[in-house]
Amino acid sequence: MLELSGSDDAEALADNGEAPRVYGFAGTPQLHRANRNYLTFFANRRWIQDRSLAHAVAEAYHTLLPVGRHPVA
């Protein structure tokens, strides 16, 4: 498993000399669902399933959503 320790490592991974960019869409805390089916991730324009990404999004919202509800992102 690869662990990044800072911006120098991130820049070293980029093939064009620029730091990698991460972007996406996330719903407001008022937009939530009863299951995790509304967490969708793409990497290099391909749909992926990754539990660690889903967990990271859930943790970001955990104090903002009612118990048993999940974010839309």
N, C-alpha and C. Protein backbone atom coordinates (compact mmCIF):
# COMPACT_ATOMS: atom_id res chain seq x y z
N MET A 1 0.84 -1.18 0.00
CA MET A 1 0.00 0.00 0.00
C MET A 1 0.89 1.24 0.00
N LEU A 2 0.54 2.21 -0.81
CA LEU A 2 1.30 3.44 -0.94
C LEU A 2 0.75 4.49 0.00
N GLU A 3 1.61 5.09 0.77
CA GLU A 3 1.19 6.18 1.66
C GLU A 3 1.88 7.46 1.22
N LEU A 4 1.10 8.51 1.07
CA LEU A 4 1.64 9.81 0.71
C LEU A 4 1.89 10.61 1.97
N SER A 5 3.03 11.27 2.02
CA SER A 5 3.35 12.03 3.23
C SER A 5 3.30 13.53 3.01
N GLY A 6 2.95 13.98 1.82
CA GLY A 6 2.87 15.41 1.62
C GLY A 6 2.78 15.79 0.16
N SER A 7 2.84 17.09 -0.07
CA SER A 7 2.69 17.57 -1.43
C SER A 7 3.84 17.14 -2.33
N ASP A 8 5.03 16.94 -1.79
CA ASP A 8 6.15 16.49 -2.62
C ASP A 8 5.86 15.12 -3.20
N ASP A 9 5.30 14.22 -2.39
CA ASP A 9 4.94 12.89 -2.88
C ASP A 9 3.84 12.97 -3.92
N ALA A 10 2.86 13.82 -3.69
CA ALA A 10 1.76 13.95 -4.64
C ALA A 10 2.27 14.46 -5.98
N GLU A 11 3.17 15.42 -5.95
CA GLU A 11 3.73 15.94 -7.20
C GLU A 11 4.57 14.89 -7.92
N ALA A 12 5.23 14.04 -7.17
CA ALA A 12 6.05 13.00 -7.78
C ALA A 12 5.18 11.98 -8.53
N LEU A 13 3.94 11.81 -8.10
CA LEU A 13 3.04 10.86 -8.75
C LEU A 13 2.45 11.41 -10.04
N ALA A 14 2.41 12.70 -10.19
CA ALA A 14 1.81 13.30 -11.38
C ALA A 14 2.74 13.10 -12.57
N ASP A 15 2.16 12.76 -13.71
CA ASP A 15 2.98 12.52 -14.88
C ASP A 15 3.27 13.78 -15.68
N ASN A 16 2.61 14.88 -15.39
CA ASN A 16 2.83 16.10 -16.16
C ASN A 16 3.44 17.23 -15.32
N GLY A 17 3.94 16.92 -14.15
CA GLY A 17 4.57 17.92 -13.32
C GLY A 17 3.61 18.72 -12.46
N GLU A 18 2.31 18.53 -12.63
CA GLU A 18 1.32 19.22 -11.81
C GLU A 18 0.84 18.29 -10.71
N ALA A 19 0.41 18.87 -9.61
CA ALA A 19 -0.14 18.06 -8.53
C ALA A 19 -1.47 17.45 -8.98
N PRO A 20 -1.77 16.23 -8.56
CA PRO A 20 -3.05 15.60 -8.93
C PRO A 20 -4.22 16.44 -8.43
N ARG A 21 -5.30 16.42 -9.16
CA ARG A 21 -6.50 17.16 -8.78
C ARG A 21 -7.62 16.19 -8.46
N VAL A 22 -8.34 16.50 -7.42
CA VAL A 22 -9.50 15.72 -7.02
C VAL A 22 -10.68 16.66 -6.97
N TYR A 23 -11.78 16.27 -7.61
CA TYR A 23 -12.96 17.11 -7.56
C TYR A 23 -14.20 16.23 -7.62
N GLY A 24 -15.32 16.80 -7.22
CA GLY A 24 -16.56 16.04 -7.23
C GLY A 24 -17.72 16.89 -6.78
N PHE A 25 -18.83 16.22 -6.58
CA PHE A 25 -20.05 16.87 -6.14
C PHE A 25 -20.53 16.19 -4.87
N ALA A 26 -20.95 16.99 -3.93
CA ALA A 26 -21.46 16.47 -2.66
C ALA A 26 -22.72 17.23 -2.29
N GLY A 27 -23.72 16.50 -1.86
CA GLY A 27 -24.98 17.12 -1.46
C GLY A 27 -24.86 17.81 -0.12
N THR A 28 -25.80 18.70 0.13
CA THR A 28 -25.84 19.35 1.44
C THR A 28 -26.32 18.34 2.48
N PRO A 29 -26.12 18.61 3.75
CA PRO A 29 -26.58 17.67 4.78
C PRO A 29 -28.10 17.46 4.75
N GLN A 30 -28.84 18.38 4.18
CA GLN A 30 -30.29 18.21 4.08
C GLN A 30 -30.67 17.16 3.03
N LEU A 31 -29.76 16.83 2.15
CA LEU A 31 -29.98 15.81 1.11
C LEU A 31 -29.32 14.52 1.58
N HIS A 32 -30.14 13.60 2.09
CA HIS A 32 -29.60 12.33 2.58
C HIS A 32 -30.55 11.20 2.23
N ARG A 33 -30.04 9.99 2.27
CA ARG A 33 -30.80 8.80 1.88
C ARG A 33 -30.67 7.72 2.96
N ALA A 34 -31.52 6.71 2.85
CA ALA A 34 -31.54 5.62 3.83
C ALA A 34 -30.46 4.57 3.58
N ASN A 35 -29.82 4.60 2.40
CA ASN A 35 -28.76 3.63 2.12
C ASN A 35 -27.59 4.31 1.43
N ARG A 36 -26.51 3.54 1.24
CA ARG A 36 -25.28 4.11 0.66
C ARG A 36 -25.25 4.05 -0.86
N ASN A 37 -26.33 3.69 -1.50
CA ASN A 37 -26.36 3.54 -2.96
C ASN A 37 -26.15 4.85 -3.70
N TYR A 38 -26.21 5.96 -3.03
CA TYR A 38 -26.06 7.26 -3.68
C TYR A 38 -24.66 7.84 -3.53
N LEU A 39 -23.71 7.01 -3.13
CA LEU A 39 -22.30 7.39 -3.12
C LEU A 39 -21.67 6.78 -4.37
N THR A 40 -21.26 7.62 -5.30
CA THR A 40 -20.73 7.16 -6.57
C THR A 40 -19.36 7.78 -6.78
N PHE A 41 -18.39 6.97 -7.20
CA PHE A 41 -17.02 7.44 -7.39
C PHE A 41 -16.52 7.07 -8.78
N PHE A 42 -15.78 8.01 -9.35
CA PHE A 42 -15.15 7.78 -10.65
C PHE A 42 -13.66 8.12 -10.52
N ALA A 43 -12.83 7.34 -11.17
CA ALA A 43 -11.39 7.63 -11.26
C ALA A 43 -11.00 7.49 -12.72
N ASN A 44 -10.44 8.54 -13.27
CA ASN A 44 -10.07 8.54 -14.69
C ASN A 44 -11.27 8.17 -15.57
N ARG A 45 -12.40 8.76 -15.24
CA ARG A 45 -13.66 8.58 -15.98
C ARG A 45 -14.23 7.17 -15.92
N ARG A 46 -13.75 6.37 -14.99
CA ARG A 46 -14.29 5.01 -14.82
C ARG A 46 -14.94 4.90 -13.46
N TRP A 47 -16.10 4.26 -13.43
CA TRP A 47 -16.82 4.06 -12.18
C TRP A 47 -16.05 3.06 -11.32
N ILE A 48 -15.89 3.40 -10.04
CA ILE A 48 -15.20 2.50 -9.13
C ILE A 48 -16.02 2.34 -7.86
N GLN A 49 -15.80 1.23 -7.18
CA GLN A 49 -16.35 1.01 -5.85
C GLN A 49 -15.17 0.90 -4.90
N ASP A 50 -15.18 1.70 -3.87
CA ASP A 50 -14.07 1.67 -2.93
C ASP A 50 -14.62 1.97 -1.53
N ARG A 51 -14.50 1.01 -0.66
CA ARG A 51 -15.04 1.18 0.70
C ARG A 51 -14.33 2.28 1.48
N SER A 52 -13.04 2.46 1.24
CA SER A 52 -12.32 3.49 1.99
C SER A 52 -12.78 4.89 1.56
N LEU A 53 -13.07 5.09 0.28
CA LEU A 53 -13.61 6.38 -0.16
C LEU A 53 -15.00 6.61 0.42
N ALA A 54 -15.84 5.58 0.37
CA ALA A 54 -17.18 5.69 0.93
C ALA A 54 -17.13 5.99 2.42
N HIS A 55 -16.21 5.35 3.12
CA HIS A 55 -16.06 5.59 4.55
C HIS A 55 -15.59 7.03 4.81
N ALA A 56 -14.67 7.52 3.98
CA ALA A 56 -14.18 8.89 4.16
C ALA A 56 -15.32 9.91 3.98
N VAL A 57 -16.16 9.70 2.99
CA VAL A 57 -17.30 10.61 2.78
C VAL A 57 -18.27 10.50 3.95
N ALA A 58 -18.56 9.29 4.38
CA ALA A 58 -19.48 9.10 5.51
C ALA A 58 -18.94 9.76 6.78
N GLU A 59 -17.65 9.66 7.01
CA GLU A 59 -17.05 10.29 8.19
C GLU A 59 -17.13 11.81 8.11
N ALA A 60 -17.00 12.35 6.92
CA ALA A 60 -17.09 13.81 6.76
C ALA A 60 -18.48 14.32 7.13
N TYR A 61 -19.49 13.51 6.92
CA TYR A 61 -20.88 13.90 7.19
C TYR A 61 -21.42 13.40 8.53
N HIS A 62 -20.69 12.56 9.23
CA HIS A 62 -21.28 11.81 10.34
C HIS A 62 -21.91 12.68 11.44
N THR A 63 -21.42 13.87 11.67
CA THR A 63 -22.03 14.70 12.71
C THR A 63 -23.14 15.59 12.15
N LEU A 64 -23.33 15.57 10.84
CA LEU A 64 -24.30 16.46 10.20
C LEU A 64 -25.61 15.77 9.83
N LEU A 65 -25.61 14.43 9.78
CA LEU A 65 -26.79 13.69 9.33
C LEU A 65 -27.48 12.97 10.49
N PRO A 66 -28.78 12.74 10.36
CA PRO A 66 -29.48 11.94 11.38
C PRO A 66 -28.93 10.51 11.41
N VAL A 67 -29.11 9.83 12.50
CA VAL A 67 -28.64 8.45 12.65
C VAL A 67 -29.35 7.57 11.61
N GLY A 68 -28.58 6.74 10.97
CA GLY A 68 -29.13 5.82 9.98
C GLY A 68 -29.32 6.42 8.59
N ARG A 69 -28.85 7.63 8.38
CA ARG A 69 -28.97 8.28 7.08
C ARG A 69 -27.58 8.41 6.45
N HIS A 70 -27.53 8.51 5.13
CA HIS A 70 -26.26 8.53 4.41
C HIS A 70 -26.24 9.68 3.42
N PRO A 71 -25.05 10.25 3.17
CA PRO A 71 -24.94 11.40 2.26
C PRO A 71 -25.11 11.00 0.80
N VAL A 72 -25.33 12.00 -0.02
CA VAL A 72 -25.38 11.84 -1.47
C VAL A 72 -24.15 12.55 -2.03
N ALA A 73 -23.32 11.80 -2.73
CA ALA A 73 -22.09 12.39 -3.28
C ALA A 73 -21.65 11.60 -4.49
